[in-house]
Amino acid sequence: MATTPHLSIADDFTLRPANKAVLSSVIEAFNEDRDSAMAALPWIDMRKDINRQLSDMLFDIESASDADRLHFWSIHDKMGNFAGMVGVGDELQFSDSHYNLGYWVKPSFRSQGIAVLSVNSILSWLESRGGHFRIEVAVHPHNEAGLATAEKICSHWNGQTLEEFVGVELFGRTIPHKVYLIDLPQNGE
């Protein structure tokens, strides 16, 4: 079992294990750009209290951070400003996968490669743990920024892009998603 560690990315950003202390920053970021937040957090039900759902998400993440089912981080610049979230969870599409990967960067921090750098740090950490891990990245086909980021990550980690769309269940509906698979370690050992 592994506890979610602190990680660094480049010289200017750190990944801190996500917890309820960042709730106000997550709510602010959600309200700053609801469309991209909904793309990253498609399970959010807009008919219900958003603040409560985000609070529950952070509680669940913090509670599971020692159970090795979920590992989520809040991204912060060197001044401590919240830049987004990234992590691996257990909402899987395939039985032979270990984690699904998700990332969400605030608009004011986009176009700096933060998502890719964060994911590279996380995948390096997973790889350093030994053993085999299969990571899924499922992206809605209309989320162009998410697709571009997933392509970069998949290319860097020698992943594969599934040709067929995969149906992801959300609110009783099946939504087609583009899925990428990354196997760790990269050399297949």
C-alpha atoms as a PDB file:
ATOM      1  CA  MET A   1       0.000   0.000   0.000  1.00  0.00           C
ATOM      2  CA  ALA A   2       1.225   3.469  -0.841  1.00  0.00           C
ATOM      3  CA  THR A   3       0.329   6.797   0.690  1.00  0.00           C
ATOM      4  CA  THR A   4      -0.107   9.683  -1.731  1.00  0.00           C
ATOM      5  CA  PRO A   5       3.262  11.512  -1.652  1.00  0.00           C
ATOM      6  CA  HIS A   6       4.236  15.131  -2.199  1.00  0.00           C
ATOM      7  CA  LEU A   7       5.740  15.464  -5.703  1.00  0.00           C
ATOM      8  CA  SER A   8       7.444  18.291  -7.562  1.00  0.00           C
ATOM      9  CA  ILE A   9       7.121  19.331 -11.157  1.00  0.00           C
ATOM     10  CA  ALA A  10       9.714  21.579 -12.725  1.00  0.00           C
ATOM     11  CA  ASP A  11      11.060  24.302 -10.453  1.00  0.00           C
ATOM     12  CA  ASP A  12       7.900  26.308 -10.148  1.00  0.00           C
ATOM     13  CA  PHE A  13       5.158  23.822  -9.168  1.00  0.00           C
ATOM     14  CA  THR A  14       4.454  21.184  -6.540  1.00  0.00           C
ATOM     15  CA  LEU A  15       1.866  18.452  -6.211  1.00  0.00           C
ATOM     16  CA  ARG A  16       0.363  18.181  -2.734  1.00  0.00           C
ATOM     17  CA  PRO A  17      -1.894  15.309  -1.679  1.00  0.00           C
ATOM     18  CA  ALA A  18      -5.399  16.703  -2.207  1.00  0.00           C
ATOM     19  CA  ASN A  19      -7.510  17.346   0.878  1.00  0.00           C
ATOM     20  CA  LYS A  20     -10.390  19.507   2.075  1.00  0.00           C
ATOM     21  CA  ALA A  21      -8.047  22.420   2.811  1.00  0.00           C
ATOM     22  CA  VAL A  22      -8.194  23.348  -0.899  1.00  0.00           C
ATOM     23  CA  LEU A  23     -12.016  23.323  -1.065  1.00  0.00           C
ATOM     24  CA  SER A  24     -12.423  27.098  -1.434  1.00  0.00           C
ATOM     25  CA  SER A  25      -9.781  27.140  -4.203  1.00  0.00           C
ATOM     26  CA  VAL A  26     -11.483  24.244  -6.006  1.00  0.00           C
ATOM     27  CA  ILE A  27     -14.877  25.973  -5.788  1.00  0.00           C
ATOM     28  CA  GLU A  28     -13.376  29.232  -7.065  1.00  0.00           C
ATOM     29  CA  ALA A  29     -11.681  27.404  -9.966  1.00  0.00           C
ATOM     30  CA  PHE A  30     -14.897  25.529 -10.761  1.00  0.00           C
ATOM     31  CA  ASN A  31     -16.851  28.784 -10.940  1.00  0.00           C
ATOM     32  CA  GLU A  32     -14.105  30.431 -13.006  1.00  0.00           C
ATOM     33  CA  ASP A  33     -14.568  27.963 -15.880  1.00  0.00           C
ATOM     34  CA  ARG A  34     -17.510  25.614 -15.410  1.00  0.00           C
ATOM     35  CA  ASP A  35     -17.263  24.090 -18.891  1.00  0.00           C
ATOM     36  CA  SER A  36     -13.721  22.778 -18.485  1.00  0.00           C
ATOM     37  CA  ALA A  37     -14.442  21.783 -14.888  1.00  0.00           C
ATOM     38  CA  MET A  38     -17.419  19.744 -16.088  1.00  0.00           C
ATOM     39  CA  ALA A  39     -15.224  18.095 -18.728  1.00  0.00           C
ATOM     40  CA  ALA A  40     -12.766  17.078 -15.992  1.00  0.00           C
ATOM     41  CA  LEU A  41     -15.463  16.205 -13.439  1.00  0.00           C
ATOM     42  CA  PRO A  42     -18.323  14.861 -15.589  1.00  0.00           C
ATOM     43  CA  TRP A  43     -20.074  13.242 -12.619  1.00  0.00           C
ATOM     44  CA  ILE A  44     -20.968  16.678 -11.178  1.00  0.00           C
ATOM     45  CA  ASP A  45     -24.750  17.081 -11.217  1.00  0.00           C
ATOM     46  CA  MET A  46     -25.547  20.731 -11.960  1.00  0.00           C
ATOM     47  CA  ARG A  47     -29.017  20.284 -10.423  1.00  0.00           C
ATOM     48  CA  LYS A  48     -27.456  19.641  -7.017  1.00  0.00           C
ATOM     49  CA  ASP A  49     -25.342  21.749  -4.651  1.00  0.00           C
ATOM     50  CA  ILE A  50     -21.961  22.087  -6.402  1.00  0.00           C
ATOM     51  CA  ASN A  51     -20.098  23.102  -3.243  1.00  0.00           C
ATOM     52  CA  ARG A  52     -21.359  20.006  -1.425  1.00  0.00           C
ATOM     53  CA  GLN A  53     -20.353  17.710  -4.305  1.00  0.00           C
ATOM     54  CA  LEU A  54     -16.848  19.193  -4.442  1.00  0.00           C
ATOM     55  CA  SER A  55     -16.546  18.935  -0.652  1.00  0.00           C
ATOM     56  CA  ASP A  56     -17.634  15.283  -0.788  1.00  0.00           C
ATOM     57  CA  MET A  57     -15.113  14.623  -3.578  1.00  0.00           C
ATOM     58  CA  LEU A  58     -12.250  16.041  -1.506  1.00  0.00           C
ATOM     59  CA  PHE A  59     -13.397  14.132   1.579  1.00  0.00           C
ATOM     60  CA  ASP A  60     -13.444  10.874  -0.415  1.00  0.00           C
ATOM     61  CA  ILE A  61     -10.021  11.602  -1.912  1.00  0.00           C
ATOM     62  CA  GLU A  62      -8.505  12.417   1.470  1.00  0.00           C
ATOM     63  CA  SER A  63     -10.105   9.362   3.108  1.00  0.00           C
ATOM     64  CA  ALA A  64      -8.795   7.010   0.403  1.00  0.00           C
ATOM     65  CA  SER A  65      -5.299   8.492   0.073  1.00  0.00           C
ATOM     66  CA  ASP A  66      -3.779   5.706   2.196  1.00  0.00           C
ATOM     67  CA  ALA A  67      -5.800   2.866   0.642  1.00  0.00           C
ATOM     68  CA  ASP A  68      -3.979   2.895  -2.734  1.00  0.00           C
ATOM     69  CA  ARG A  69      -7.292   3.149  -4.641  1.00  0.00           C
ATOM     70  CA  LEU A  70      -7.041   6.869  -5.299  1.00  0.00           C
ATOM     71  CA  HIS A  71      -4.112   9.245  -5.490  1.00  0.00           C
ATOM     72  CA  PHE A  72      -5.047  12.870  -6.177  1.00  0.00           C
ATOM     73  CA  TRP A  73      -3.003  16.011  -5.891  1.00  0.00           C
ATOM     74  CA  SER A  74      -3.665  19.718  -5.877  1.00  0.00           C
ATOM     75  CA  ILE A  75      -1.230  21.611  -8.098  1.00  0.00           C
ATOM     76  CA  HIS A  76       0.377  24.739  -6.611  1.00  0.00           C
ATOM     77  CA  ASP A  77       2.847  27.297  -7.893  1.00  0.00           C
ATOM     78  CA  LYS A  78       5.859  28.293  -5.792  1.00  0.00           C
ATOM     79  CA  MET A  79       3.777  31.048  -4.150  1.00  0.00           C
ATOM     80  CA  GLY A  80       1.230  28.446  -3.021  1.00  0.00           C
ATOM     81  CA  ASN A  81      -1.482  29.464  -5.497  1.00  0.00           C
ATOM     82  CA  PHE A  82      -3.872  26.689  -6.536  1.00  0.00           C
ATOM     83  CA  ALA A  83      -3.376  25.811 -10.225  1.00  0.00           C
ATOM     84  CA  GLY A  84      -5.531  22.698 -10.595  1.00  0.00           C
ATOM     85  CA  MET A  85      -5.877  19.042  -9.732  1.00  0.00           C
ATOM     86  CA  VAL A  86      -4.497  15.813 -11.113  1.00  0.00           C
ATOM     87  CA  GLY A  87      -4.713  12.210 -10.055  1.00  0.00           C
ATOM     88  CA  VAL A  88      -5.456   8.567 -10.589  1.00  0.00           C
ATOM     89  CA  GLY A  89      -8.665   6.926  -9.444  1.00  0.00           C
ATOM     90  CA  ASP A  90     -10.644   3.726  -9.608  1.00  0.00           C
ATOM     91  CA  GLU A  91     -13.479   4.546 -12.038  1.00  0.00           C
ATOM     92  CA  LEU A  92     -12.354   2.046 -14.667  1.00  0.00           C
ATOM     93  CA  GLN A  93     -13.639   1.008 -18.078  1.00  0.00           C
ATOM     94  CA  PHE A  94     -11.542  -2.171 -18.351  1.00  0.00           C
ATOM     95  CA  SER A  95     -11.090  -4.949 -15.808  1.00  0.00           C
ATOM     96  CA  ASP A  96      -7.330  -5.223 -16.418  1.00  0.00           C
ATOM     97  CA  SER A  97      -6.719  -1.534 -15.638  1.00  0.00           C
ATOM     98  CA  HIS A  98      -5.461  -0.318 -12.274  1.00  0.00           C
ATOM     99  CA  TYR A  99      -6.216   3.410 -12.415  1.00  0.00           C
ATOM    100  CA  ASN A 100      -7.881   6.045 -14.524  1.00  0.00           C
ATOM    101  CA  LEU A 101      -6.079   9.361 -14.923  1.00  0.00           C
ATOM    102  CA  GLY A 102      -7.658  12.788 -14.639  1.00  0.00           C
ATOM    103  CA  TYR A 103      -6.360  16.355 -14.784  1.00  0.00           C
ATOM    104  CA  TRP A 104      -7.824  19.839 -14.572  1.00  0.00           C
ATOM    105  CA  VAL A 105      -5.870  23.097 -14.768  1.00  0.00           C
ATOM    106  CA  LYS A 106      -7.276  26.560 -14.030  1.00  0.00           C
ATOM    107  CA  PRO A 107      -7.506  28.913 -17.043  1.00  0.00           C
ATOM    108  CA  SER A 108      -4.861  31.291 -15.664  1.00  0.00           C
ATOM    109  CA  PHE A 109      -2.337  28.416 -15.531  1.00  0.00           C
ATOM    110  CA  ARG A 110      -3.088  26.793 -18.881  1.00  0.00           C
ATOM    111  CA  SER A 111      -0.741  26.623 -21.879  1.00  0.00           C
ATOM    112  CA  GLN A 112       2.277  26.116 -19.614  1.00  0.00           C
ATOM    113  CA  GLY A 113       2.404  22.323 -19.897  1.00  0.00           C
ATOM    114  CA  ILE A 114       1.406  21.906 -16.250  1.00  0.00           C
ATOM    115  CA  ALA A 115      -0.961  18.974 -16.866  1.00  0.00           C
ATOM    116  CA  VAL A 116       1.649  17.010 -18.829  1.00  0.00           C
ATOM    117  CA  LEU A 117       4.406  17.771 -16.293  1.00  0.00           C
ATOM    118  CA  SER A 118       2.111  16.763 -13.418  1.00  0.00           C
ATOM    119  CA  VAL A 119       1.101  13.519 -15.097  1.00  0.00           C
ATOM    120  CA  ASN A 120       4.727  12.703 -15.924  1.00  0.00           C
ATOM    121  CA  SER A 121       5.611  13.122 -12.246  1.00  0.00           C
ATOM    122  CA  ILE A 122       2.737  10.872 -11.161  1.00  0.00           C
ATOM    123  CA  LEU A 123       3.479   8.165 -13.721  1.00  0.00           C
ATOM    124  CA  SER A 124       7.170   8.254 -12.755  1.00  0.00           C
ATOM    125  CA  TRP A 125       6.151   7.778  -9.124  1.00  0.00           C
ATOM    126  CA  LEU A 126       3.895   4.843 -10.027  1.00  0.00           C
ATOM    127  CA  GLU A 127       6.636   3.307 -12.157  1.00  0.00           C
ATOM    128  CA  SER A 128       9.148   3.660  -9.292  1.00  0.00           C
ATOM    129  CA  ARG A 129       6.893   1.561  -7.067  1.00  0.00           C
ATOM    130  CA  GLY A 130       7.581  -1.540  -9.162  1.00  0.00           C
ATOM    131  CA  GLY A 131       4.989  -3.948 -10.424  1.00  0.00           C
ATOM    132  CA  HIS A 132       2.693  -3.527 -13.395  1.00  0.00           C
ATOM    133  CA  PHE A 133       0.133  -0.740 -13.700  1.00  0.00           C
ATOM    134  CA  ARG A 134      -2.285  -0.086 -16.560  1.00  0.00           C
ATOM    135  CA  ILE A 135      -3.556   3.481 -16.634  1.00  0.00           C
ATOM    136  CA  GLU A 136      -6.640   4.596 -18.580  1.00  0.00           C
ATOM    137  CA  VAL A 137      -7.208   8.113 -19.840  1.00  0.00           C
ATOM    138  CA  ALA A 138     -10.790   8.651 -21.057  1.00  0.00           C
ATOM    139  CA  VAL A 139     -11.537  11.969 -22.782  1.00  0.00           C
ATOM    140  CA  HIS A 140     -14.782  13.266 -24.267  1.00  0.00           C
ATOM    141  CA  PRO A 141     -14.210  13.665 -28.026  1.00  0.00           C
ATOM    142  CA  HIS A 142     -15.306  17.336 -27.947  1.00  0.00           C
ATOM    143  CA  ASN A 143     -12.742  18.226 -25.258  1.00  0.00           C
ATOM    144  CA  GLU A 144     -10.012  19.347 -27.655  1.00  0.00           C
ATOM    145  CA  ALA A 145      -7.589  20.516 -24.954  1.00  0.00           C
ATOM    146  CA  GLY A 146      -8.059  17.263 -23.044  1.00  0.00           C
ATOM    147  CA  LEU A 147      -7.468  15.227 -26.200  1.00  0.00           C
ATOM    148  CA  ALA A 148      -4.287  17.153 -27.033  1.00  0.00           C
ATOM    149  CA  THR A 149      -2.969  16.642 -23.504  1.00  0.00           C
ATOM    150  CA  ALA A 150      -3.840  12.932 -23.546  1.00  0.00           C
ATOM    151  CA  GLU A 151      -2.062  12.526 -26.905  1.00  0.00           C
ATOM    152  CA  LYS A 152       1.107  14.140 -25.502  1.00  0.00           C
ATOM    153  CA  ILE A 153       1.016  11.958 -22.400  1.00  0.00           C
ATOM    154  CA  CYS A 154       0.339   8.814 -24.414  1.00  0.00           C
ATOM    155  CA  SER A 155       3.169   9.604 -26.821  1.00  0.00           C
ATOM    156  CA  HIS A 156       5.644  10.338 -24.010  1.00  0.00           C
ATOM    157  CA  TRP A 157       4.771   7.109 -22.158  1.00  0.00           C
ATOM    158  CA  ASN A 158       4.505   4.861 -25.244  1.00  0.00           C
ATOM    159  CA  GLY A 159       0.811   4.332 -24.645  1.00  0.00           C
ATOM    160  CA  GLN A 160      -1.800   3.217 -27.094  1.00  0.00           C
ATOM    161  CA  THR A 161      -4.841   5.000 -28.430  1.00  0.00           C
ATOM    162  CA  LEU A 162      -7.911   2.817 -28.836  1.00  0.00           C
ATOM    163  CA  GLU A 163      -9.449   3.231 -32.276  1.00  0.00           C
ATOM    164  CA  GLU A 164     -12.996   2.611 -31.082  1.00  0.00           C
ATOM    165  CA  PHE A 165     -14.813   4.985 -28.781  1.00  0.00           C
ATOM    166  CA  VAL A 166     -15.643   3.514 -25.385  1.00  0.00           C
ATOM    167  CA  GLY A 167     -18.979   4.189 -23.715  1.00  0.00           C
ATOM    168  CA  VAL A 168     -18.694   5.842 -20.308  1.00  0.00           C
ATOM    169  CA  GLU A 169     -21.797   5.753 -18.111  1.00  0.00           C
ATOM    170  CA  LEU A 170     -22.824   9.170 -16.778  1.00  0.00           C
ATOM    171  CA  PHE A 171     -26.227   9.887 -15.228  1.00  0.00           C
ATOM    172  CA  GLY A 172     -27.766   6.803 -16.818  1.00  0.00           C
ATOM    173  CA  ARG A 173     -26.488   7.697 -20.283  1.00  0.00           C
ATOM    174  CA  THR A 174     -23.654   6.159 -22.242  1.00  0.00           C
ATOM    175  CA  ILE A 175     -21.308   8.861 -23.543  1.00  0.00           C
ATOM    176  CA  PRO A 176     -18.613   7.860 -26.076  1.00  0.00           C
ATOM    177  CA  HIS A 177     -15.060   8.722 -25.009  1.00  0.00           C
ATOM    178  CA  LYS A 178     -11.650   8.427 -26.619  1.00  0.00           C
ATOM    179  CA  VAL A 179      -9.536   6.113 -24.466  1.00  0.00           C
ATOM    180  CA  TYR A 180      -5.773   5.912 -24.136  1.00  0.00           C
ATOM    181  CA  LEU A 181      -3.946   3.132 -22.274  1.00  0.00           C
ATOM    182  CA  ILE A 182      -0.520   3.406 -20.671  1.00  0.00           C
ATOM    183  CA  ASP A 183       1.303   0.379 -19.286  1.00  0.00           C
ATOM    184  CA  LEU A 184       3.941   0.771 -16.594  1.00  0.00           C
ATOM    185  CA  PRO A 185       6.750   0.013 -16.452  1.00  0.00           C
ATOM    186  CA  GLN A 186       7.400   1.203 -19.989  1.00  0.00           C
ATOM    187  CA  ASN A 187       9.736  -1.663 -20.809  1.00  0.00           C
ATOM    188  CA  GLY A 188       6.981  -4.172 -19.986  1.00  0.00           C
ATOM    189  CA  GLU A 189       8.889  -5.986 -17.247  1.00  0.00           C
END
